[in-house]
Amino acid sequence: MREGARRSLDGYTFYLERRDAGGARLGILVSRKHAARAVERNRIKRCIREAFRLEQEALGAVDVLVRPPYGIKPSASMLLRLRELLGKLNS
């Protein structure tokens, strides 16, 4: 997190670190400030993982740490928006 690039898009914060080889790797930062209940935090993490899974081929060799905005609700629209944002990270 200290040495990589940080980008904020639509309330999400992405910490990026390029690597020489390999596939994309994901880190997720979701705390109780994001959602008080563990069930909600886990749903948020599932949405992030699914969006990453669908976009990881296009990302290349990069480590990505995702911190969603506080108060986000897991939904299909969240998944679509996150996929768009992950696509923008590559450019």
PDB file of N, CA and C in Angstrom:
ATOM      1  N   MET A   1       0.820  -1.192   0.000  1.00  0.00           N
ATOM      2  CA  MET A   1       0.000   0.000   0.000  1.00  0.00           C
ATOM      3  C   MET A   1       0.867   1.259   0.000  1.00  0.00           C
ATOM      4  N   ARG A   2       2.004   1.205   0.638  1.00  0.00           N
ATOM      5  CA  ARG A   2       2.850   2.397   0.715  1.00  0.00           C
ATOM      6  C   ARG A   2       3.547   2.691  -0.605  1.00  0.00           C
ATOM      7  N   GLU A   3       3.975   1.658  -1.323  1.00  0.00           N
ATOM      8  CA  GLU A   3       4.780   1.863  -2.517  1.00  0.00           C
ATOM      9  C   GLU A   3       3.963   1.871  -3.806  1.00  0.00           C
ATOM     10  N   GLY A   4       2.782   1.306  -3.798  1.00  0.00           N
ATOM     11  CA  GLY A   4       1.984   1.221  -5.007  1.00  0.00           C
ATOM     12  C   GLY A   4       1.207   2.500  -5.275  1.00  0.00           C
ATOM     13  N   ALA A   5       0.531   2.495  -6.411  1.00  0.00           N
ATOM     14  CA  ALA A   5      -0.295   3.634  -6.793  1.00  0.00           C
ATOM     15  C   ALA A   5      -1.656   3.524  -6.121  1.00  0.00           C
ATOM     16  N   ARG A   6      -2.260   4.667  -5.848  1.00  0.00           N
ATOM     17  CA  ARG A   6      -3.597   4.689  -5.256  1.00  0.00           C
ATOM     18  C   ARG A   6      -4.506   5.475  -6.183  1.00  0.00           C
ATOM     19  N   ARG A   7      -5.656   4.878  -6.492  1.00  0.00           N
ATOM     20  CA  ARG A   7      -6.637   5.553  -7.337  1.00  0.00           C
ATOM     21  C   ARG A   7      -7.992   5.491  -6.663  1.00  0.00           C
ATOM     22  N   SER A   8      -8.682   6.613  -6.663  1.00  0.00           N
ATOM     23  CA  SER A   8     -10.035   6.675  -6.124  1.00  0.00           C
ATOM     24  C   SER A   8     -10.996   6.911  -7.280  1.00  0.00           C
ATOM     25  N   LEU A   9     -11.941   6.003  -7.425  1.00  0.00           N
ATOM     26  CA  LEU A   9     -12.941   6.094  -8.482  1.00  0.00           C
ATOM     27  C   LEU A   9     -14.309   5.810  -7.892  1.00  0.00           C
ATOM     28  N   ASP A  10     -15.205   6.761  -7.996  1.00  0.00           N
ATOM     29  CA  ASP A  10     -16.606   6.572  -7.597  1.00  0.00           C
ATOM     30  C   ASP A  10     -16.745   6.092  -6.150  1.00  0.00           C
ATOM     31  N   GLY A  11     -15.893   6.589  -5.264  1.00  0.00           N
ATOM     32  CA  GLY A  11     -15.964   6.209  -3.855  1.00  0.00           C
ATOM     33  C   GLY A  11     -15.107   5.009  -3.493  1.00  0.00           C
ATOM     34  N   TYR A  12     -14.737   4.196  -4.461  1.00  0.00           N
ATOM     35  CA  TYR A  12     -13.864   3.046  -4.232  1.00  0.00           C
ATOM     36  C   TYR A  12     -12.420   3.526  -4.240  1.00  0.00           C
ATOM     37  N   THR A  13     -11.599   2.925  -3.402  1.00  0.00           N
ATOM     38  CA  THR A  13     -10.166   3.204  -3.405  1.00  0.00           C
ATOM     39  C   THR A  13      -9.444   1.933  -3.816  1.00  0.00           C
ATOM     40  N   PHE A  14      -8.585   2.060  -4.819  1.00  0.00           N
ATOM     41  CA  PHE A  14      -7.812   0.935  -5.335  1.00  0.00           C
ATOM     42  C   PHE A  14      -6.336   1.211  -5.094  1.00  0.00           C
ATOM     43  N   TYR A  15      -5.658   0.270  -4.479  1.00  0.00           N
ATOM     44  CA  TYR A  15      -4.216   0.330  -4.314  1.00  0.00           C
ATOM     45  C   TYR A  15      -3.629  -0.669  -5.298  1.00  0.00           C
ATOM     46  N   LEU A  16      -2.738  -0.191  -6.173  1.00  0.00           N
ATOM     47  CA  LEU A  16      -2.211  -1.021  -7.258  1.00  0.00           C
ATOM     48  C   LEU A  16      -0.702  -1.153  -7.155  1.00  0.00           C
ATOM     49  N   GLU A  17      -0.225  -2.333  -7.434  1.00  0.00           N
ATOM     50  CA  GLU A  17       1.209  -2.595  -7.510  1.00  0.00           C
ATOM     51  C   GLU A  17       1.440  -3.526  -8.695  1.00  0.00           C
ATOM     52  N   ARG A  18       2.116  -3.034  -9.711  1.00  0.00           N
ATOM     53  CA  ARG A  18       2.420  -3.845 -10.898  1.00  0.00           C
ATOM     54  C   ARG A  18       3.528  -4.844 -10.582  1.00  0.00           C
ATOM     55  N   ARG A  19       3.431  -6.013 -11.226  1.00  0.00           N
ATOM     56  CA  ARG A  19       4.455  -7.037 -11.081  1.00  0.00           C
ATOM     57  C   ARG A  19       4.963  -7.410 -12.463  1.00  0.00           C
ATOM     58  N   ASP A  20       6.067  -8.135 -12.518  1.00  0.00           N
ATOM     59  CA  ASP A  20       6.653  -8.521 -13.802  1.00  0.00           C
ATOM     60  C   ASP A  20       5.896  -9.654 -14.471  1.00  0.00           C
ATOM     61  N   ALA A  21       5.427 -10.607 -13.707  1.00  0.00           N
ATOM     62  CA  ALA A  21       4.785 -11.778 -14.306  1.00  0.00           C
ATOM     63  C   ALA A  21       3.690 -12.298 -13.386  1.00  0.00           C
ATOM     64  N   GLY A  22       2.884 -13.186 -13.936  1.00  0.00           N
ATOM     65  CA  GLY A  22       1.823 -13.811 -13.151  1.00  0.00           C
ATOM     66  C   GLY A  22       0.478 -13.175 -13.415  1.00  0.00           C
ATOM     67  N   GLY A  23      -0.517 -13.680 -12.734  1.00  0.00           N
ATOM     68  CA  GLY A  23      -1.865 -13.167 -12.895  1.00  0.00           C
ATOM     69  C   GLY A  23      -2.178 -12.089 -11.868  1.00  0.00           C
ATOM     70  N   ALA A  24      -3.338 -11.523 -12.008  1.00  0.00           N
ATOM     71  CA  ALA A  24      -3.793 -10.496 -11.067  1.00  0.00           C
ATOM     72  C   ALA A  24      -4.128 -11.141  -9.728  1.00  0.00           C
ATOM     73  N   ARG A  25      -3.827 -10.413  -8.650  1.00  0.00           N
ATOM     74  CA  ARG A  25      -4.160 -10.879  -7.304  1.00  0.00           C
ATOM     75  C   ARG A  25      -5.002  -9.820  -6.614  1.00  0.00           C
ATOM     76  N   LEU A  26      -5.907 -10.275  -5.749  1.00  0.00           N
ATOM     77  CA  LEU A  26      -6.877  -9.392  -5.116  1.00  0.00           C
ATOM     78  C   LEU A  26      -6.728  -9.367  -3.607  1.00  0.00           C
ATOM     79  N   GLY A  27      -6.859  -8.174  -3.047  1.00  0.00           N
ATOM     80  CA  GLY A  27      -6.969  -7.984  -1.615  1.00  0.00           C
ATOM     81  C   GLY A  27      -8.218  -7.153  -1.366  1.00  0.00           C
ATOM     82  N   ILE A  28      -8.915  -7.420  -0.278  1.00  0.00           N
ATOM     83  CA  ILE A  28     -10.163  -6.719   0.024  1.00  0.00           C
ATOM     84  C   ILE A  28     -10.074  -6.150   1.430  1.00  0.00           C
ATOM     85  N   LEU A  29     -10.457  -4.883   1.571  1.00  0.00           N
ATOM     86  CA  LEU A  29     -10.437  -4.224   2.863  1.00  0.00           C
ATOM     87  C   LEU A  29     -11.864  -3.772   3.177  1.00  0.00           C
ATOM     88  N   VAL A  30     -12.561  -4.536   4.015  1.00  0.00           N
ATOM     89  CA  VAL A  30     -13.925  -4.214   4.428  1.00  0.00           C
ATOM     90  C   VAL A  30     -13.978  -4.308   5.948  1.00  0.00           C
ATOM     91  N   SER A  31     -14.319  -3.201   6.592  1.00  0.00           N
ATOM     92  CA  SER A  31     -14.355  -3.171   8.054  1.00  0.00           C
ATOM     93  C   SER A  31     -15.786  -3.003   8.555  1.00  0.00           C
ATOM     94  N   ARG A  32     -15.919  -2.918   9.868  1.00  0.00           N
ATOM     95  CA  ARG A  32     -17.246  -2.709  10.454  1.00  0.00           C
ATOM     96  C   ARG A  32     -17.808  -1.336  10.127  1.00  0.00           C
ATOM     97  N   LYS A  33     -16.969  -0.412   9.717  1.00  0.00           N
ATOM     98  CA  LYS A  33     -17.468   0.892   9.281  1.00  0.00           C
ATOM     99  C   LYS A  33     -18.231   0.775   7.958  1.00  0.00           C
ATOM    100  N   HIS A  34     -17.883  -0.225   7.169  1.00  0.00           N
ATOM    101  CA  HIS A  34     -18.589  -0.446   5.902  1.00  0.00           C
ATOM    102  C   HIS A  34     -19.971  -1.030   6.156  1.00  0.00           C
ATOM    103  N   ALA A  35     -20.043  -1.989   7.041  1.00  0.00           N
ATOM    104  CA  ALA A  35     -21.314  -2.634   7.402  1.00  0.00           C
ATOM    105  C   ALA A  35     -21.144  -3.227   8.794  1.00  0.00           C
ATOM    106  N   ALA A  36     -22.095  -2.970   9.655  1.00  0.00           N
ATOM    107  CA  ALA A  36     -21.983  -3.421  11.039  1.00  0.00           C
ATOM    108  C   ALA A  36     -22.109  -4.937  11.168  1.00  0.00           C
ATOM    109  N   ARG A  37     -22.951  -5.534  10.324  1.00  0.00           N
ATOM    110  CA  ARG A  37     -23.202  -6.974  10.424  1.00  0.00           C
ATOM    111  C   ARG A  37     -22.233  -7.751   9.536  1.00  0.00           C
ATOM    112  N   ALA A  38     -21.737  -8.855  10.055  1.00  0.00           N
ATOM    113  CA  ALA A  38     -20.795  -9.692   9.316  1.00  0.00           C
ATOM    114  C   ALA A  38     -21.408 -10.229   8.028  1.00  0.00           C
ATOM    115  N   VAL A  39     -22.699 -10.504   8.055  1.00  0.00           N
ATOM    116  CA  VAL A  39     -23.381 -11.013   6.863  1.00  0.00           C
ATOM    117  C   VAL A  39     -23.281 -10.006   5.731  1.00  0.00           C
ATOM    118  N   GLU A  40     -23.477  -8.742   6.029  1.00  0.00           N
ATOM    119  CA  GLU A  40     -23.393  -7.699   5.007  1.00  0.00           C
ATOM    120  C   GLU A  40     -21.959  -7.518   4.509  1.00  0.00           C
ATOM    121  N   ARG A  41     -20.988  -7.566   5.429  1.00  0.00           N
ATOM    122  CA  ARG A  41     -19.583  -7.456   5.023  1.00  0.00           C
ATOM    123  C   ARG A  41     -19.200  -8.595   4.098  1.00  0.00           C
ATOM    124  N   ASN A  42     -19.663  -9.802   4.408  1.00  0.00           N
ATOM    125  CA  ASN A  42     -19.357 -10.954   3.558  1.00  0.00           C
ATOM    126  C   ASN A  42     -20.009 -10.828   2.183  1.00  0.00           C
ATOM    127  N   ARG A  43     -21.204 -10.272   2.120  1.00  0.00           N
ATOM    128  CA  ARG A  43     -21.862 -10.070   0.824  1.00  0.00           C
ATOM    129  C   ARG A  43     -21.114  -9.040  -0.017  1.00  0.00           C
ATOM    130  N   ILE A  44     -20.628  -8.000   0.631  1.00  0.00           N
ATOM    131  CA  ILE A  44     -19.829  -7.004  -0.083  1.00  0.00           C
ATOM    132  C   ILE A  44     -18.575  -7.657  -0.649  1.00  0.00           C
ATOM    133  N   LYS A  45     -17.910  -8.471   0.166  1.00  0.00           N
ATOM    134  CA  LYS A  45     -16.696  -9.148  -0.285  1.00  0.00           C
ATOM    135  C   LYS A  45     -16.977 -10.112  -1.435  1.00  0.00           C
ATOM    136  N   ARG A  46     -18.114 -10.800  -1.379  1.00  0.00           N
ATOM    137  CA  ARG A  46     -18.480 -11.707  -2.471  1.00  0.00           C
ATOM    138  C   ARG A  46     -18.664 -10.954  -3.779  1.00  0.00           C
ATOM    139  N   CYS A  47     -19.313  -9.802  -3.720  1.00  0.00           N
ATOM    140  CA  CYS A  47     -19.507  -8.979  -4.919  1.00  0.00           C
ATOM    141  C   CYS A  47     -18.164  -8.522  -5.490  1.00  0.00           C
ATOM    142  N   ILE A  48     -17.257  -8.095  -4.612  1.00  0.00           N
ATOM    143  CA  ILE A  48     -15.934  -7.654  -5.071  1.00  0.00           C
ATOM    144  C   ILE A  48     -15.177  -8.804  -5.705  1.00  0.00           C
ATOM    145  N   ARG A  49     -15.213  -9.976  -5.063  1.00  0.00           N
ATOM    146  CA  ARG A  49     -14.520 -11.150  -5.612  1.00  0.00           C
ATOM    147  C   ARG A  49     -15.064 -11.539  -6.984  1.00  0.00           C
ATOM    148  N   GLU A  50     -16.390 -11.516  -7.124  1.00  0.00           N
ATOM    149  CA  GLU A  50     -17.005 -11.899  -8.396  1.00  0.00           C
ATOM    150  C   GLU A  50     -16.643 -10.915  -9.505  1.00  0.00           C
ATOM    151  N   ALA A  51     -16.677  -9.613  -9.210  1.00  0.00           N
ATOM    152  CA  ALA A  51     -16.292  -8.613 -10.208  1.00  0.00           C
ATOM    153  C   ALA A  51     -14.832  -8.798 -10.611  1.00  0.00           C
ATOM    154  N   PHE A  52     -13.970  -9.068  -9.633  1.00  0.00           N
ATOM    155  CA  PHE A  52     -12.557  -9.298  -9.923  1.00  0.00           C
ATOM    156  C   PHE A  52     -12.378 -10.553 -10.763  1.00  0.00           C
ATOM    157  N   ARG A  53     -13.093 -11.612 -10.439  1.00  0.00           N
ATOM    158  CA  ARG A  53     -12.979 -12.862 -11.186  1.00  0.00           C
ATOM    159  C   ARG A  53     -13.324 -12.649 -12.656  1.00  0.00           C
ATOM    160  N   LEU A  54     -14.335 -11.843 -12.909  1.00  0.00           N
ATOM    161  CA  LEU A  54     -14.767 -11.602 -14.278  1.00  0.00           C
ATOM    162  C   LEU A  54     -13.827 -10.672 -15.043  1.00  0.00           C
ATOM    163  N   GLU A  55     -13.048  -9.864 -14.347  1.00  0.00           N
ATOM    164  CA  GLU A  55     -12.171  -8.888 -14.994  1.00  0.00           C
ATOM    165  C   GLU A  55     -10.682  -9.188 -14.870  1.00  0.00           C
ATOM    166  N   GLN A  56     -10.297 -10.239 -14.173  1.00  0.00           N
ATOM    167  CA  GLN A  56      -8.878 -10.448 -13.879  1.00  0.00           C
ATOM    168  C   GLN A  56      -8.036 -10.746 -15.112  1.00  0.00           C
ATOM    169  N   GLU A  57      -8.598 -11.327 -16.146  1.00  0.00           N
ATOM    170  CA  GLU A  57      -7.826 -11.598 -17.362  1.00  0.00           C
ATOM    171  C   GLU A  57      -7.309 -10.306 -17.977  1.00  0.00           C
ATOM    172  N   ALA A  58      -8.139  -9.261 -17.974  1.00  0.00           N
ATOM    173  CA  ALA A  58      -7.768  -7.988 -18.593  1.00  0.00           C
ATOM    174  C   ALA A  58      -6.791  -7.183 -17.747  1.00  0.00           C
ATOM    175  N   LEU A  59      -6.688  -7.471 -16.454  1.00  0.00           N
ATOM    176  CA  LEU A  59      -5.835  -6.676 -15.576  1.00  0.00           C
ATOM    177  C   LEU A  59      -4.351  -6.973 -15.735  1.00  0.00           C
ATOM    178  N   GLY A  60      -3.994  -8.186 -16.062  1.00  0.00           N
ATOM    179  CA  GLY A  60      -2.589  -8.543 -16.201  1.00  0.00           C
ATOM    180  C   GLY A  60      -1.940  -8.828 -14.861  1.00  0.00           C
ATOM    181  N   ALA A  61      -0.618  -8.622 -14.817  1.00  0.00           N
ATOM    182  CA  ALA A  61       0.168  -8.924 -13.614  1.00  0.00           C
ATOM    183  C   ALA A  61       0.140  -7.727 -12.669  1.00  0.00           C
ATOM    184  N   VAL A  62      -0.845  -7.716 -11.781  1.00  0.00           N
ATOM    185  CA  VAL A  62      -1.005  -6.600 -10.858  1.00  0.00           C
ATOM    186  C   VAL A  62      -1.612  -7.107  -9.553  1.00  0.00           C
ATOM    187  N   ASP A  63      -1.220  -6.482  -8.460  1.00  0.00           N
ATOM    188  CA  ASP A  63      -1.857  -6.721  -7.169  1.00  0.00           C
ATOM    189  C   ASP A  63      -2.833  -5.576  -6.944  1.00  0.00           C
ATOM    190  N   VAL A  64      -4.071  -5.893  -6.613  1.00  0.00           N
ATOM    191  CA  VAL A  64      -5.107  -4.881  -6.410  1.00  0.00           C
ATOM    192  C   VAL A  64      -5.699  -5.050  -5.022  1.00  0.00           C
ATOM    193  N   LEU A  65      -5.698  -3.982  -4.245  1.00  0.00           N
ATOM    194  CA  LEU A  65      -6.386  -3.951  -2.966  1.00  0.00           C
ATOM    195  C   LEU A  65      -7.578  -3.022  -3.133  1.00  0.00           C
ATOM    196  N   VAL A  66      -8.774  -3.510  -2.822  1.00  0.00           N
ATOM    197  CA  VAL A  66     -10.006  -2.748  -3.019  1.00  0.00           C
ATOM    198  C   VAL A  66     -10.592  -2.369  -1.667  1.00  0.00           C
ATOM    199  N   ARG A  67     -10.895  -1.078  -1.517  1.00  0.00           N
ATOM    200  CA  ARG A  67     -11.626  -0.597  -0.341  1.00  0.00           C
ATOM    201  C   ARG A  67     -12.889   0.094  -0.846  1.00  0.00           C
ATOM    202  N   PRO A  68     -14.055  -0.513  -0.598  1.00  0.00           N
ATOM    203  CA  PRO A  68     -15.300   0.094  -1.084  1.00  0.00           C
ATOM    204  C   PRO A  68     -15.683   1.306  -0.238  1.00  0.00           C
ATOM    205  N   PRO A  69     -16.609   2.117  -0.739  1.00  0.00           N
ATOM    206  CA  PRO A  69     -17.074   3.260   0.067  1.00  0.00           C
ATOM    207  C   PRO A  69     -17.880   2.783   1.266  1.00  0.00           C
ATOM    208  N   TYR A  70     -17.893   3.587   2.317  1.00  0.00           N
ATOM    209  CA  TYR A  70     -18.674   3.246   3.502  1.00  0.00           C
ATOM    210  C   TYR A  70     -20.162   3.314   3.168  1.00  0.00           C
ATOM    211  N   GLY A  71     -20.928   2.403   3.755  1.00  0.00           N
ATOM    212  CA  GLY A  71     -22.371   2.395   3.568  1.00  0.00           C
ATOM    213  C   GLY A  71     -22.838   1.766   2.274  1.00  0.00           C
ATOM    214  N   ILE A  72     -21.952   1.123   1.537  1.00  0.00           N
ATOM    215  CA  ILE A  72     -22.330   0.484   0.264  1.00  0.00           C
ATOM    216  C   ILE A  72     -23.211  -0.724   0.539  1.00  0.00           C
ATOM    217  N   LYS A  73     -24.167  -0.961  -0.325  1.00  0.00           N
ATOM    218  CA  LYS A  73     -25.056  -2.117  -0.215  1.00  0.00           C
ATOM    219  C   LYS A  73     -24.724  -3.093  -1.336  1.00  0.00           C
ATOM    220  N   PRO A  74     -24.507  -4.367  -1.019  1.00  0.00           N
ATOM    221  CA  PRO A  74     -24.204  -5.349  -2.060  1.00  0.00           C
ATOM    222  C   PRO A  74     -25.410  -5.555  -2.962  1.00  0.00           C
ATOM    223  N   SER A  75     -25.182  -5.466  -4.272  1.00  0.00           N
ATOM    224  CA  SER A  75     -26.266  -5.646  -5.239  1.00  0.00           C
ATOM    225  C   SER A  75     -25.679  -5.933  -6.609  1.00  0.00           C
ATOM    226  N   ALA A  76     -26.558  -6.241  -7.552  1.00  0.00           N
ATOM    227  CA  ALA A  76     -26.127  -6.485  -8.925  1.00  0.00           C
ATOM    228  C   ALA A  76     -25.563  -5.213  -9.545  1.00  0.00           C
ATOM    229  N   SER A  77     -26.131  -4.070  -9.190  1.00  0.00           N
ATOM    230  CA  SER A  77     -25.617  -2.811  -9.742  1.00  0.00           C
ATOM    231  C   SER A  77     -24.218  -2.506  -9.198  1.00  0.00           C
ATOM    232  N   MET A  78     -23.963  -2.891  -7.951  1.00  0.00           N
ATOM    233  CA  MET A  78     -22.624  -2.723  -7.387  1.00  0.00           C
ATOM    234  C   MET A  78     -21.626  -3.563  -8.175  1.00  0.00           C
ATOM    235  N   LEU A  79     -22.021  -4.778  -8.501  1.00  0.00           N
ATOM    236  CA  LEU A  79     -21.162  -5.681  -9.259  1.00  0.00           C
ATOM    237  C   LEU A  79     -20.836  -5.101 -10.631  1.00  0.00           C
ATOM    238  N   LEU A  80     -21.833  -4.590 -11.325  1.00  0.00           N
ATOM    239  CA  LEU A  80     -21.617  -4.006 -12.650  1.00  0.00           C
ATOM    240  C   LEU A  80     -20.721  -2.771 -12.574  1.00  0.00           C
ATOM    241  N   ARG A  81     -20.962  -1.913 -11.598  1.00  0.00           N
ATOM    242  CA  ARG A  81     -20.156  -0.700 -11.451  1.00  0.00           C
ATOM    243  C   ARG A  81     -18.711  -1.038 -11.115  1.00  0.00           C
ATOM    244  N   LEU A  82     -18.511  -2.025 -10.276  1.00  0.00           N
ATOM    245  CA  LEU A  82     -17.151  -2.434  -9.915  1.00  0.00           C
ATOM    246  C   LEU A  82     -16.416  -3.029 -11.105  1.00  0.00           C
ATOM    247  N   ARG A  83     -17.129  -3.766 -11.942  1.00  0.00           N
ATOM    248  CA  ARG A  83     -16.508  -4.299 -13.172  1.00  0.00           C
ATOM    249  C   ARG A  83     -16.052  -3.171 -14.087  1.00  0.00           C
ATOM    250  N   GLU A  84     -16.864  -2.127 -14.205  1.00  0.00           N
ATOM    251  CA  GLU A  84     -16.479  -0.967 -15.011  1.00  0.00           C
ATOM    252  C   GLU A  84     -15.225  -0.308 -14.444  1.00  0.00           C
ATOM    253  N   LEU A  85     -15.194  -0.143 -13.141  1.00  0.00           N
ATOM    254  CA  LEU A  85     -14.057   0.515 -12.500  1.00  0.00           C
ATOM    255  C   LEU A  85     -12.782  -0.314 -12.639  1.00  0.00           C
ATOM    256  N   LEU A  86     -12.896  -1.619 -12.495  1.00  0.00           N
ATOM    257  CA  LEU A  86     -11.709  -2.484 -12.666  1.00  0.00           C
ATOM    258  C   LEU A  86     -11.206  -2.410 -14.099  1.00  0.00           C
ATOM    259  N   GLY A  87     -12.116  -2.290 -15.056  1.00  0.00           N
ATOM    260  CA  GLY A  87     -11.711  -2.121 -16.459  1.00  0.00           C
ATOM    261  C   GLY A  87     -10.961  -0.821 -16.678  1.00  0.00           C
ATOM    262  N   LYS A  88     -11.318   0.238 -15.972  1.00  0.00           N
ATOM    263  CA  LYS A  88     -10.643   1.527 -16.095  1.00  0.00           C
ATOM    264  C   LYS A  88      -9.251   1.509 -15.481  1.00  0.00           C
ATOM    265  N   LEU A  89      -9.022   0.631 -14.528  1.00  0.00           N
ATOM    266  CA  LEU A  89      -7.702   0.572 -13.876  1.00  0.00           C
ATOM    267  C   LEU A  89      -6.601   0.175 -14.839  1.00  0.00           C
ATOM    268  N   ASN A  90      -6.943  -0.598 -15.835  1.00  0.00           N
ATOM    269  CA  ASN A  90      -5.955  -1.094 -16.789  1.00  0.00           C
ATOM    270  C   ASN A  90      -5.427   0.019 -17.680  1.00  0.00           C
ATOM    271  N   SER A  91      -6.191   1.087 -17.866  1.00  0.00           N
ATOM    272  CA  SER A  91      -5.761   2.165 -18.763  1.00  0.00           C
ATOM    273  C   SER A  91      -4.860   3.169 -18.083  1.00  0.00           C
TER     274      SER A  91
END
